[in-house]
Structures are given as structure tokens and as C-alpha cells.
Amino acid sequence: MKNSKLLLVVLTILFATAVDGEVRVPALIGDNMVLQQGKKVRIWGSALPNERVTVALDKNTASATTDAN
């Protein structure tokens, strides 16, 4: 159940952000992805320079601002 919540949150954030920017994640991240329970999850992708990206799962959030590259 937590895996499906993660996917839903990630996709919601990415689609909401995609309206304003060019956020992309690799094909590996998507429907039917498998996550290891109790392990940290790394989400990666690309976006426009200086764009702020936030990923949220349950009570945890992580944010980053893209660099010039």
C-alpha cells in the first residue's frame, strides 16, 4: 500500500509541476515499480535550470533546486 501511495504522490507532484516546467523522470519510475520496504528511495530526473522540485511521501518530503546543467 505504501508503494502505491509513493507512486501516486510522485506522479501528482510531477504532473502538477510539469504545467510550469519541464520535469522528467526516467521510465524506470512509474506504474508497477517495486520498492524495498524500509529503505531510502532515490528519485531522480531532469528539469529546467533553477527549478525547485519537491517529492512527498506520507509525512516525508524532500526538495531540491536544479543547477544550471
N, C-alpha and C. Protein backbone atom coordinates (compact mmCIF):
# COMPACT_ATOMS: atom_id res chain seq x y z
N MET A 1 0.82 -1.19 0.00
CA MET A 1 0.00 0.00 0.00
C MET A 1 0.87 1.26 0.00
N LYS A 2 1.99 1.24 0.75
CA LYS A 2 2.87 2.40 0.79
C LYS A 2 3.49 2.67 -0.57
N ASN A 3 3.80 1.60 -1.32
CA ASN A 3 4.39 1.78 -2.64
C ASN A 3 3.43 2.50 -3.57
N SER A 4 2.16 2.15 -3.52
CA SER A 4 1.19 2.81 -4.38
C SER A 4 0.98 4.25 -3.96
N LYS A 5 1.08 4.53 -2.65
CA LYS A 5 0.98 5.91 -2.18
C LYS A 5 2.16 6.73 -2.69
N LEU A 6 3.36 6.15 -2.64
CA LEU A 6 4.55 6.84 -3.14
C LEU A 6 4.38 7.18 -4.61
N LEU A 7 3.97 6.21 -5.38
CA LEU A 7 3.80 6.43 -6.81
C LEU A 7 2.77 7.51 -7.08
N LEU A 8 1.66 7.46 -6.37
CA LEU A 8 0.62 8.47 -6.55
C LEU A 8 1.13 9.86 -6.21
N VAL A 9 1.86 9.98 -5.12
CA VAL A 9 2.39 11.29 -4.71
C VAL A 9 3.40 11.79 -5.72
N VAL A 10 4.32 10.93 -6.14
CA VAL A 10 5.35 11.33 -7.10
C VAL A 10 4.71 11.77 -8.41
N LEU A 11 3.79 10.98 -8.92
CA LEU A 11 3.16 11.34 -10.19
C LEU A 11 2.33 12.61 -10.07
N THR A 12 1.65 12.79 -8.95
CA THR A 12 0.87 14.02 -8.74
C THR A 12 1.77 15.23 -8.75
N ILE A 13 2.87 15.14 -8.03
CA ILE A 13 3.82 16.27 -7.97
C ILE A 13 4.41 16.53 -9.35
N LEU A 14 4.79 15.49 -10.04
CA LEU A 14 5.42 15.67 -11.35
C LEU A 14 4.45 16.26 -12.37
N PHE A 15 3.21 15.78 -12.37
CA PHE A 15 2.25 16.32 -13.32
C PHE A 15 1.88 17.75 -12.96
N ALA A 16 1.77 18.06 -11.68
CA ALA A 16 1.45 19.43 -11.27
C ALA A 16 2.59 20.37 -11.63
N THR A 17 3.82 19.91 -11.45
CA THR A 17 4.99 20.73 -11.77
C THR A 17 5.18 20.85 -13.27
N ALA A 18 4.82 19.82 -14.01
CA ALA A 18 5.03 19.83 -15.46
C ALA A 18 4.27 20.94 -16.15
N VAL A 19 3.22 21.45 -15.52
CA VAL A 19 2.46 22.56 -16.09
C VAL A 19 3.35 23.79 -16.17
N ASP A 20 4.20 23.97 -15.16
CA ASP A 20 5.06 25.15 -15.11
C ASP A 20 6.46 24.90 -15.67
N GLY A 21 6.89 23.66 -15.73
CA GLY A 21 8.26 23.38 -16.13
C GLY A 21 8.38 22.09 -16.90
N GLU A 22 9.62 21.72 -17.11
CA GLU A 22 9.94 20.52 -17.86
C GLU A 22 10.58 19.49 -16.94
N VAL A 23 9.80 18.92 -16.04
CA VAL A 23 10.30 17.90 -15.13
C VAL A 23 10.12 16.55 -15.78
N ARG A 24 11.21 15.75 -15.81
CA ARG A 24 11.14 14.41 -16.41
C ARG A 24 11.81 13.42 -15.48
N VAL A 25 11.23 12.24 -15.39
CA VAL A 25 11.84 11.14 -14.65
C VAL A 25 12.08 9.99 -15.62
N PRO A 26 13.03 9.13 -15.32
CA PRO A 26 13.30 8.00 -16.22
C PRO A 26 12.13 7.02 -16.25
N ALA A 27 12.07 6.22 -17.29
CA ALA A 27 10.98 5.25 -17.47
C ALA A 27 10.93 4.24 -16.34
N LEU A 28 12.04 4.04 -15.65
CA LEU A 28 12.09 3.12 -14.52
C LEU A 28 11.13 3.54 -13.41
N ILE A 29 10.89 4.83 -13.26
CA ILE A 29 10.00 5.35 -12.23
C ILE A 29 8.61 5.49 -12.85
N GLY A 30 7.65 4.71 -12.35
CA GLY A 30 6.31 4.77 -12.90
C GLY A 30 5.43 3.66 -12.36
N ASP A 31 4.37 3.38 -13.07
CA ASP A 31 3.45 2.33 -12.67
C ASP A 31 4.18 1.00 -12.52
N ASN A 32 3.77 0.26 -11.53
CA ASN A 32 4.28 -1.09 -11.26
C ASN A 32 5.73 -1.13 -10.81
N MET A 33 6.30 0.01 -10.39
CA MET A 33 7.66 -0.03 -9.88
C MET A 33 7.66 -0.73 -8.53
N VAL A 34 8.77 -1.37 -8.20
CA VAL A 34 8.88 -2.12 -6.96
C VAL A 34 9.88 -1.41 -6.06
N LEU A 35 9.48 -1.18 -4.79
CA LEU A 35 10.35 -0.52 -3.83
C LEU A 35 10.61 -1.46 -2.66
N GLN A 36 11.81 -1.38 -2.09
CA GLN A 36 12.16 -2.19 -0.93
C GLN A 36 11.63 -1.52 0.33
N GLN A 37 10.86 -2.24 1.08
CA GLN A 37 10.29 -1.71 2.32
C GLN A 37 11.40 -1.37 3.31
N GLY A 38 11.28 -0.22 3.97
CA GLY A 38 12.23 0.19 5.00
C GLY A 38 13.53 0.75 4.46
N LYS A 39 13.64 0.96 3.18
CA LYS A 39 14.86 1.50 2.57
C LYS A 39 14.59 2.90 2.03
N LYS A 40 15.64 3.72 1.96
CA LYS A 40 15.51 5.05 1.38
C LYS A 40 15.26 4.91 -0.12
N VAL A 41 14.48 5.82 -0.66
CA VAL A 41 14.15 5.79 -2.08
C VAL A 41 14.74 7.03 -2.73
N ARG A 42 15.50 6.84 -3.78
CA ARG A 42 16.06 7.97 -4.53
C ARG A 42 15.22 8.18 -5.78
N ILE A 43 14.75 9.40 -5.95
CA ILE A 43 14.00 9.78 -7.14
C ILE A 43 14.88 10.76 -7.91
N TRP A 44 15.07 10.52 -9.19
CA TRP A 44 15.92 11.40 -9.99
C TRP A 44 15.24 11.71 -11.30
N GLY A 45 15.77 12.70 -11.96
CA GLY A 45 15.21 13.11 -13.24
C GLY A 45 15.88 14.38 -13.71
N SER A 46 15.18 15.12 -14.54
CA SER A 46 15.73 16.38 -15.04
C SER A 46 14.64 17.44 -15.06
N ALA A 47 15.06 18.67 -15.02
CA ALA A 47 14.13 19.80 -15.04
C ALA A 47 14.87 21.02 -15.58
N LEU A 48 14.15 22.08 -15.79
CA LEU A 48 14.76 23.32 -16.25
C LEU A 48 15.72 23.86 -15.19
N PRO A 49 16.72 24.66 -15.59
CA PRO A 49 17.66 25.22 -14.61
C PRO A 49 16.94 26.05 -13.54
N ASN A 50 17.43 25.95 -12.32
CA ASN A 50 16.93 26.69 -11.16
C ASN A 50 15.47 26.41 -10.82
N GLU A 51 14.97 25.25 -11.20
CA GLU A 51 13.60 24.88 -10.88
C GLU A 51 13.58 24.10 -9.57
N ARG A 52 12.66 24.43 -8.70
CA ARG A 52 12.52 23.74 -7.41
C ARG A 52 11.60 22.55 -7.60
N VAL A 53 12.06 21.37 -7.15
CA VAL A 53 11.30 20.13 -7.27
C VAL A 53 11.13 19.55 -5.87
N THR A 54 9.92 19.14 -5.53
CA THR A 54 9.63 18.55 -4.23
C THR A 54 8.94 17.21 -4.43
N VAL A 55 9.41 16.21 -3.69
CA VAL A 55 8.80 14.89 -3.69
C VAL A 55 8.31 14.62 -2.27
N ALA A 56 7.07 14.15 -2.14
CA ALA A 56 6.49 13.89 -0.82
C ALA A 56 5.96 12.47 -0.76
N LEU A 57 6.17 11.85 0.38
CA LEU A 57 5.64 10.51 0.65
C LEU A 57 5.20 10.48 2.09
N ASP A 58 3.91 10.31 2.29
CA ASP A 58 3.35 10.27 3.63
C ASP A 58 3.74 11.55 4.37
N LYS A 59 4.50 11.45 5.47
CA LYS A 59 4.90 12.64 6.23
C LYS A 59 6.28 13.13 5.84
N ASN A 60 6.93 12.48 4.90
CA ASN A 60 8.29 12.83 4.48
C ASN A 60 8.27 13.62 3.19
N THR A 61 9.09 14.67 3.14
CA THR A 61 9.26 15.43 1.91
C THR A 61 10.73 15.69 1.69
N ALA A 62 11.09 15.86 0.44
CA ALA A 62 12.46 16.22 0.07
C ALA A 62 12.37 17.20 -1.08
N SER A 63 13.18 18.25 -1.03
CA SER A 63 13.18 19.27 -2.07
C SER A 63 14.59 19.50 -2.58
N ALA A 64 14.67 19.95 -3.81
CA ALA A 64 15.95 20.29 -4.40
C ALA A 64 15.71 21.36 -5.46
N THR A 65 16.73 22.14 -5.73
CA THR A 65 16.69 23.12 -6.80
C THR A 65 17.72 22.68 -7.84
N THR A 66 17.30 22.63 -9.08
CA THR A 66 18.20 22.17 -10.13
C THR A 66 19.30 23.19 -10.36
N ASP A 67 20.45 22.70 -10.84
CA ASP A 67 21.55 23.59 -11.15
C ASP A 67 21.46 24.03 -12.61
N ALA A 68 22.44 24.73 -13.07
CA ALA A 68 22.43 25.26 -14.45
C ALA A 68 22.50 24.16 -15.50
N ASN A 69 22.97 22.98 -15.12
CA ASN A 69 23.10 21.88 -16.08
C ASN A 69 21.93 20.93 -16.02
